[in-house]
Amino acid sequence: MKTIIFVIITTVLTAFSYNTSDSAPTSKKMENCMTPQNPYNDGGGHNAGFNWAMENGGDCDGNSESFNEGCEEYFRQLYDYNTCVADSQK
């Protein structure tokens, strides 16, 4: 029984890991896509805004200009990431 399960798992993994010539370049292109990274580590408003946007999404309409700028930076990075991913799938 263990042998049968092993053969099935190996077969499935082999089938999914097989790359055709069309899918290999897409994977390489996606390696260049960076997920949003918080450039702020000061514990201030920029940092709080970036973290808030990452966790909650929504509008960047806080009471602080630095909070809003941090929030907007997250969405800029997210847009760049999504654009990169979409371009890599073409």
N, C-alpha and C. Protein backbone atom coordinates (compact mmCIF):
# COMPACT_ATOMS: atom_id res chain seq x y z
N MET A 1 0.82 -1.20 0.00
CA MET A 1 0.00 0.00 0.00
C MET A 1 0.86 1.26 0.00
N LYS A 2 1.91 1.29 0.82
CA LYS A 2 2.80 2.45 0.86
C LYS A 2 3.47 2.66 -0.49
N THR A 3 3.81 1.57 -1.16
CA THR A 3 4.46 1.67 -2.46
C THR A 3 3.51 2.28 -3.48
N ILE A 4 2.26 1.91 -3.45
CA ILE A 4 1.28 2.45 -4.39
C ILE A 4 1.10 3.95 -4.15
N ILE A 5 1.00 4.35 -2.90
CA ILE A 5 0.86 5.76 -2.58
C ILE A 5 2.10 6.53 -3.04
N PHE A 6 3.27 5.97 -2.82
CA PHE A 6 4.52 6.61 -3.24
C PHE A 6 4.55 6.79 -4.76
N VAL A 7 4.14 5.77 -5.49
CA VAL A 7 4.14 5.85 -6.96
C VAL A 7 3.15 6.91 -7.43
N ILE A 8 1.99 6.97 -6.81
CA ILE A 8 0.98 7.96 -7.19
C ILE A 8 1.50 9.37 -6.92
N ILE A 9 2.05 9.59 -5.75
CA ILE A 9 2.57 10.91 -5.39
C ILE A 9 3.70 11.30 -6.32
N THR A 10 4.61 10.39 -6.59
CA THR A 10 5.73 10.67 -7.48
C THR A 10 5.24 11.02 -8.88
N THR A 11 4.27 10.28 -9.36
CA THR A 11 3.71 10.53 -10.69
C THR A 11 3.07 11.91 -10.76
N VAL A 12 2.30 12.25 -9.76
CA VAL A 12 1.63 13.56 -9.74
C VAL A 12 2.66 14.68 -9.66
N LEU A 13 3.64 14.54 -8.80
CA LEU A 13 4.66 15.58 -8.68
C LEU A 13 5.46 15.72 -9.97
N THR A 14 5.77 14.64 -10.61
CA THR A 14 6.50 14.69 -11.87
C THR A 14 5.67 15.39 -12.93
N ALA A 15 4.40 15.10 -13.00
CA ALA A 15 3.53 15.72 -13.99
C ALA A 15 3.46 17.23 -13.78
N PHE A 16 3.36 17.69 -12.53
CA PHE A 16 3.26 19.11 -12.26
C PHE A 16 4.59 19.83 -12.40
N SER A 17 5.69 19.14 -12.22
CA SER A 17 6.98 19.81 -12.32
C SER A 17 7.51 19.85 -13.74
N TYR A 18 6.87 19.15 -14.65
CA TYR A 18 7.30 19.15 -16.04
C TYR A 18 7.03 20.52 -16.65
N ASN A 19 8.07 21.14 -17.19
CA ASN A 19 7.92 22.46 -17.80
C ASN A 19 7.96 22.35 -19.31
N THR A 20 6.99 22.95 -19.96
CA THR A 20 7.04 23.03 -21.40
C THR A 20 7.87 24.25 -21.76
N SER A 21 8.21 24.40 -23.01
CA SER A 21 9.01 25.55 -23.42
C SER A 21 8.25 26.86 -23.22
N ASP A 22 6.92 26.82 -23.23
CA ASP A 22 6.14 28.04 -23.03
C ASP A 22 6.11 28.48 -21.57
N SER A 23 6.10 27.53 -20.64
CA SER A 23 5.95 27.90 -19.24
C SER A 23 7.27 28.25 -18.57
N ALA A 24 8.38 27.76 -19.03
CA ALA A 24 9.67 28.04 -18.41
C ALA A 24 10.03 29.52 -18.45
N PRO A 25 9.89 30.21 -19.59
CA PRO A 25 10.23 31.63 -19.59
C PRO A 25 9.36 32.44 -18.64
N THR A 26 8.09 32.09 -18.50
CA THR A 26 7.22 32.81 -17.59
C THR A 26 7.75 32.74 -16.17
N SER A 27 8.19 31.57 -15.75
CA SER A 27 8.72 31.42 -14.40
C SER A 27 9.95 32.28 -14.20
N LYS A 28 10.82 32.32 -15.19
CA LYS A 28 12.03 33.13 -15.08
C LYS A 28 11.68 34.61 -15.02
N LYS A 29 10.71 35.04 -15.82
CA LYS A 29 10.30 36.44 -15.80
C LYS A 29 9.72 36.83 -14.44
N MET A 30 8.95 35.91 -13.84
CA MET A 30 8.32 36.21 -12.55
C MET A 30 9.34 36.33 -11.43
N GLU A 31 10.53 35.75 -11.62
CA GLU A 31 11.57 35.86 -10.60
C GLU A 31 11.96 37.31 -10.37
N ASN A 32 11.75 38.16 -11.37
CA ASN A 32 12.09 39.57 -11.27
C ASN A 32 11.01 40.40 -10.61
N CYS A 33 9.85 39.82 -10.36
CA CYS A 33 8.74 40.53 -9.74
C CYS A 33 8.91 40.51 -8.22
N MET A 34 8.97 41.69 -7.64
CA MET A 34 9.15 41.78 -6.19
C MET A 34 7.85 42.16 -5.51
N THR A 35 7.50 41.40 -4.49
CA THR A 35 6.33 41.74 -3.69
C THR A 35 6.63 43.02 -2.91
N PRO A 36 5.61 43.74 -2.51
CA PRO A 36 5.85 44.98 -1.77
C PRO A 36 6.70 44.75 -0.52
N GLN A 37 7.69 45.60 -0.34
CA GLN A 37 8.59 45.54 0.81
C GLN A 37 8.57 46.89 1.51
N ASN A 38 8.35 46.89 2.80
CA ASN A 38 8.29 48.13 3.57
C ASN A 38 9.69 48.73 3.69
N PRO A 39 9.91 49.91 3.07
CA PRO A 39 11.23 50.54 3.16
C PRO A 39 11.40 51.35 4.44
N TYR A 40 10.35 51.45 5.23
CA TYR A 40 10.38 52.26 6.44
C TYR A 40 10.52 51.36 7.66
N ASN A 41 11.43 51.69 8.53
CA ASN A 41 11.59 50.89 9.75
C ASN A 41 11.75 51.80 10.96
N ASP A 42 11.29 53.01 10.83
CA ASP A 42 11.47 53.99 11.89
C ASP A 42 10.37 53.99 12.94
N GLY A 43 9.32 53.22 12.70
CA GLY A 43 8.21 53.20 13.65
C GLY A 43 7.34 54.43 13.55
N GLY A 44 7.57 55.27 12.54
CA GLY A 44 6.81 56.50 12.39
C GLY A 44 5.59 56.32 11.50
N GLY A 45 5.09 57.45 11.02
CA GLY A 45 3.88 57.46 10.23
C GLY A 45 3.99 56.73 8.91
N HIS A 46 5.14 56.88 8.21
CA HIS A 46 5.31 56.18 6.94
C HIS A 46 5.22 54.66 7.15
N ASN A 47 5.91 54.20 8.15
CA ASN A 47 5.91 52.77 8.49
C ASN A 47 4.50 52.30 8.83
N ALA A 48 3.82 53.07 9.64
CA ALA A 48 2.46 52.70 10.05
C ALA A 48 1.51 52.68 8.85
N GLY A 49 1.63 53.65 7.96
CA GLY A 49 0.77 53.70 6.78
C GLY A 49 1.02 52.54 5.84
N PHE A 50 2.29 52.20 5.64
CA PHE A 50 2.62 51.07 4.77
C PHE A 50 2.04 49.79 5.35
N ASN A 51 2.29 49.57 6.63
CA ASN A 51 1.78 48.35 7.28
C ASN A 51 0.26 48.29 7.28
N TRP A 52 -0.38 49.42 7.51
CA TRP A 52 -1.84 49.45 7.53
C TRP A 52 -2.38 49.06 6.16
N ALA A 53 -1.81 49.63 5.10
CA ALA A 53 -2.28 49.33 3.75
C ALA A 53 -2.06 47.86 3.42
N MET A 54 -0.94 47.32 3.83
CA MET A 54 -0.63 45.92 3.56
C MET A 54 -1.62 45.00 4.27
N GLU A 55 -2.02 45.35 5.46
CA GLU A 55 -2.90 44.50 6.24
C GLU A 55 -4.39 44.74 5.96
N ASN A 56 -4.75 45.96 5.59
CA ASN A 56 -6.16 46.32 5.48
C ASN A 56 -6.63 46.72 4.10
N GLY A 57 -5.74 47.21 3.26
CA GLY A 57 -6.15 47.75 1.97
C GLY A 57 -6.97 49.00 2.18
N GLY A 58 -7.71 49.40 1.19
CA GLY A 58 -8.59 50.55 1.34
C GLY A 58 -7.91 51.86 0.98
N ASP A 59 -8.59 52.95 1.30
CA ASP A 59 -8.11 54.28 0.96
C ASP A 59 -7.02 54.74 1.91
N CYS A 60 -6.15 55.58 1.38
CA CYS A 60 -5.07 56.17 2.19
C CYS A 60 -5.53 57.56 2.62
N ASP A 61 -6.40 57.61 3.59
CA ASP A 61 -6.94 58.89 4.03
C ASP A 61 -6.83 59.06 5.54
N GLY A 62 -5.61 58.80 6.04
CA GLY A 62 -5.38 58.97 7.48
C GLY A 62 -5.25 60.44 7.84
N ASN A 63 -5.01 60.69 9.11
CA ASN A 63 -4.89 62.06 9.60
C ASN A 63 -3.48 62.61 9.48
N SER A 64 -2.56 61.82 8.98
CA SER A 64 -1.17 62.23 8.91
C SER A 64 -0.66 62.12 7.48
N GLU A 65 0.08 63.15 7.04
CA GLU A 65 0.63 63.12 5.69
C GLU A 65 1.63 61.97 5.54
N SER A 66 2.44 61.72 6.56
CA SER A 66 3.41 60.64 6.46
C SER A 66 2.72 59.27 6.43
N PHE A 67 1.64 59.11 7.17
CA PHE A 67 0.87 57.88 7.13
C PHE A 67 0.33 57.65 5.72
N ASN A 68 -0.24 58.69 5.13
CA ASN A 68 -0.80 58.58 3.78
C ASN A 68 0.29 58.27 2.76
N GLU A 69 1.46 58.87 2.90
CA GLU A 69 2.56 58.60 1.98
C GLU A 69 3.03 57.16 2.09
N GLY A 70 3.12 56.64 3.30
CA GLY A 70 3.50 55.23 3.49
C GLY A 70 2.46 54.30 2.89
N CYS A 71 1.21 54.62 3.09
CA CYS A 71 0.11 53.84 2.52
C CYS A 71 0.19 53.85 1.00
N GLU A 72 0.39 55.02 0.42
CA GLU A 72 0.48 55.15 -1.04
C GLU A 72 1.69 54.39 -1.59
N GLU A 73 2.78 54.38 -0.83
CA GLU A 73 3.97 53.63 -1.27
C GLU A 73 3.67 52.14 -1.37
N TYR A 74 2.90 51.62 -0.45
CA TYR A 74 2.50 50.20 -0.53
C TYR A 74 1.74 49.94 -1.83
N PHE A 75 0.77 50.80 -2.13
CA PHE A 75 -0.05 50.58 -3.33
C PHE A 75 0.77 50.79 -4.61
N ARG A 76 1.76 51.69 -4.59
CA ARG A 76 2.65 51.84 -5.75
C ARG A 76 3.41 50.55 -6.00
N GLN A 77 3.96 50.00 -4.92
CA GLN A 77 4.72 48.75 -5.04
C GLN A 77 3.81 47.60 -5.46
N LEU A 78 2.62 47.54 -4.91
CA LEU A 78 1.68 46.48 -5.27
C LEU A 78 1.30 46.58 -6.74
N TYR A 79 1.08 47.79 -7.23
CA TYR A 79 0.77 48.00 -8.65
C TYR A 79 1.93 47.50 -9.52
N ASP A 80 3.16 47.89 -9.14
CA ASP A 80 4.34 47.46 -9.90
C ASP A 80 4.46 45.94 -9.90
N TYR A 81 4.21 45.31 -8.77
CA TYR A 81 4.28 43.85 -8.67
C TYR A 81 3.23 43.21 -9.57
N ASN A 82 1.99 43.66 -9.48
CA ASN A 82 0.92 43.08 -10.30
C ASN A 82 1.17 43.29 -11.79
N THR A 83 1.70 44.43 -12.15
CA THR A 83 2.04 44.69 -13.55
C THR A 83 3.14 43.75 -14.02
N CYS A 84 4.15 43.55 -13.21
CA CYS A 84 5.25 42.64 -13.53
C CYS A 84 4.73 41.22 -13.72
N VAL A 85 3.88 40.75 -12.83
CA VAL A 85 3.32 39.41 -12.93
C VAL A 85 2.50 39.27 -14.21
N ALA A 86 1.67 40.27 -14.50
CA ALA A 86 0.84 40.21 -15.71
C ALA A 86 1.72 40.20 -16.96
N ASP A 87 2.77 41.02 -16.98
CA ASP A 87 3.67 41.06 -18.13
C ASP A 87 4.42 39.74 -18.31
N SER A 88 4.73 39.08 -17.21
CA SER A 88 5.48 37.83 -17.30
C SER A 88 4.62 36.69 -17.83
N GLN A 89 3.31 36.87 -17.80
CA GLN A 89 2.40 35.81 -18.28
C GLN A 89 2.01 35.99 -19.73
N LYS A 90 2.56 37.01 -20.36
CA LYS A 90 2.24 37.26 -21.78
C LYS A 90 3.10 36.40 -22.67
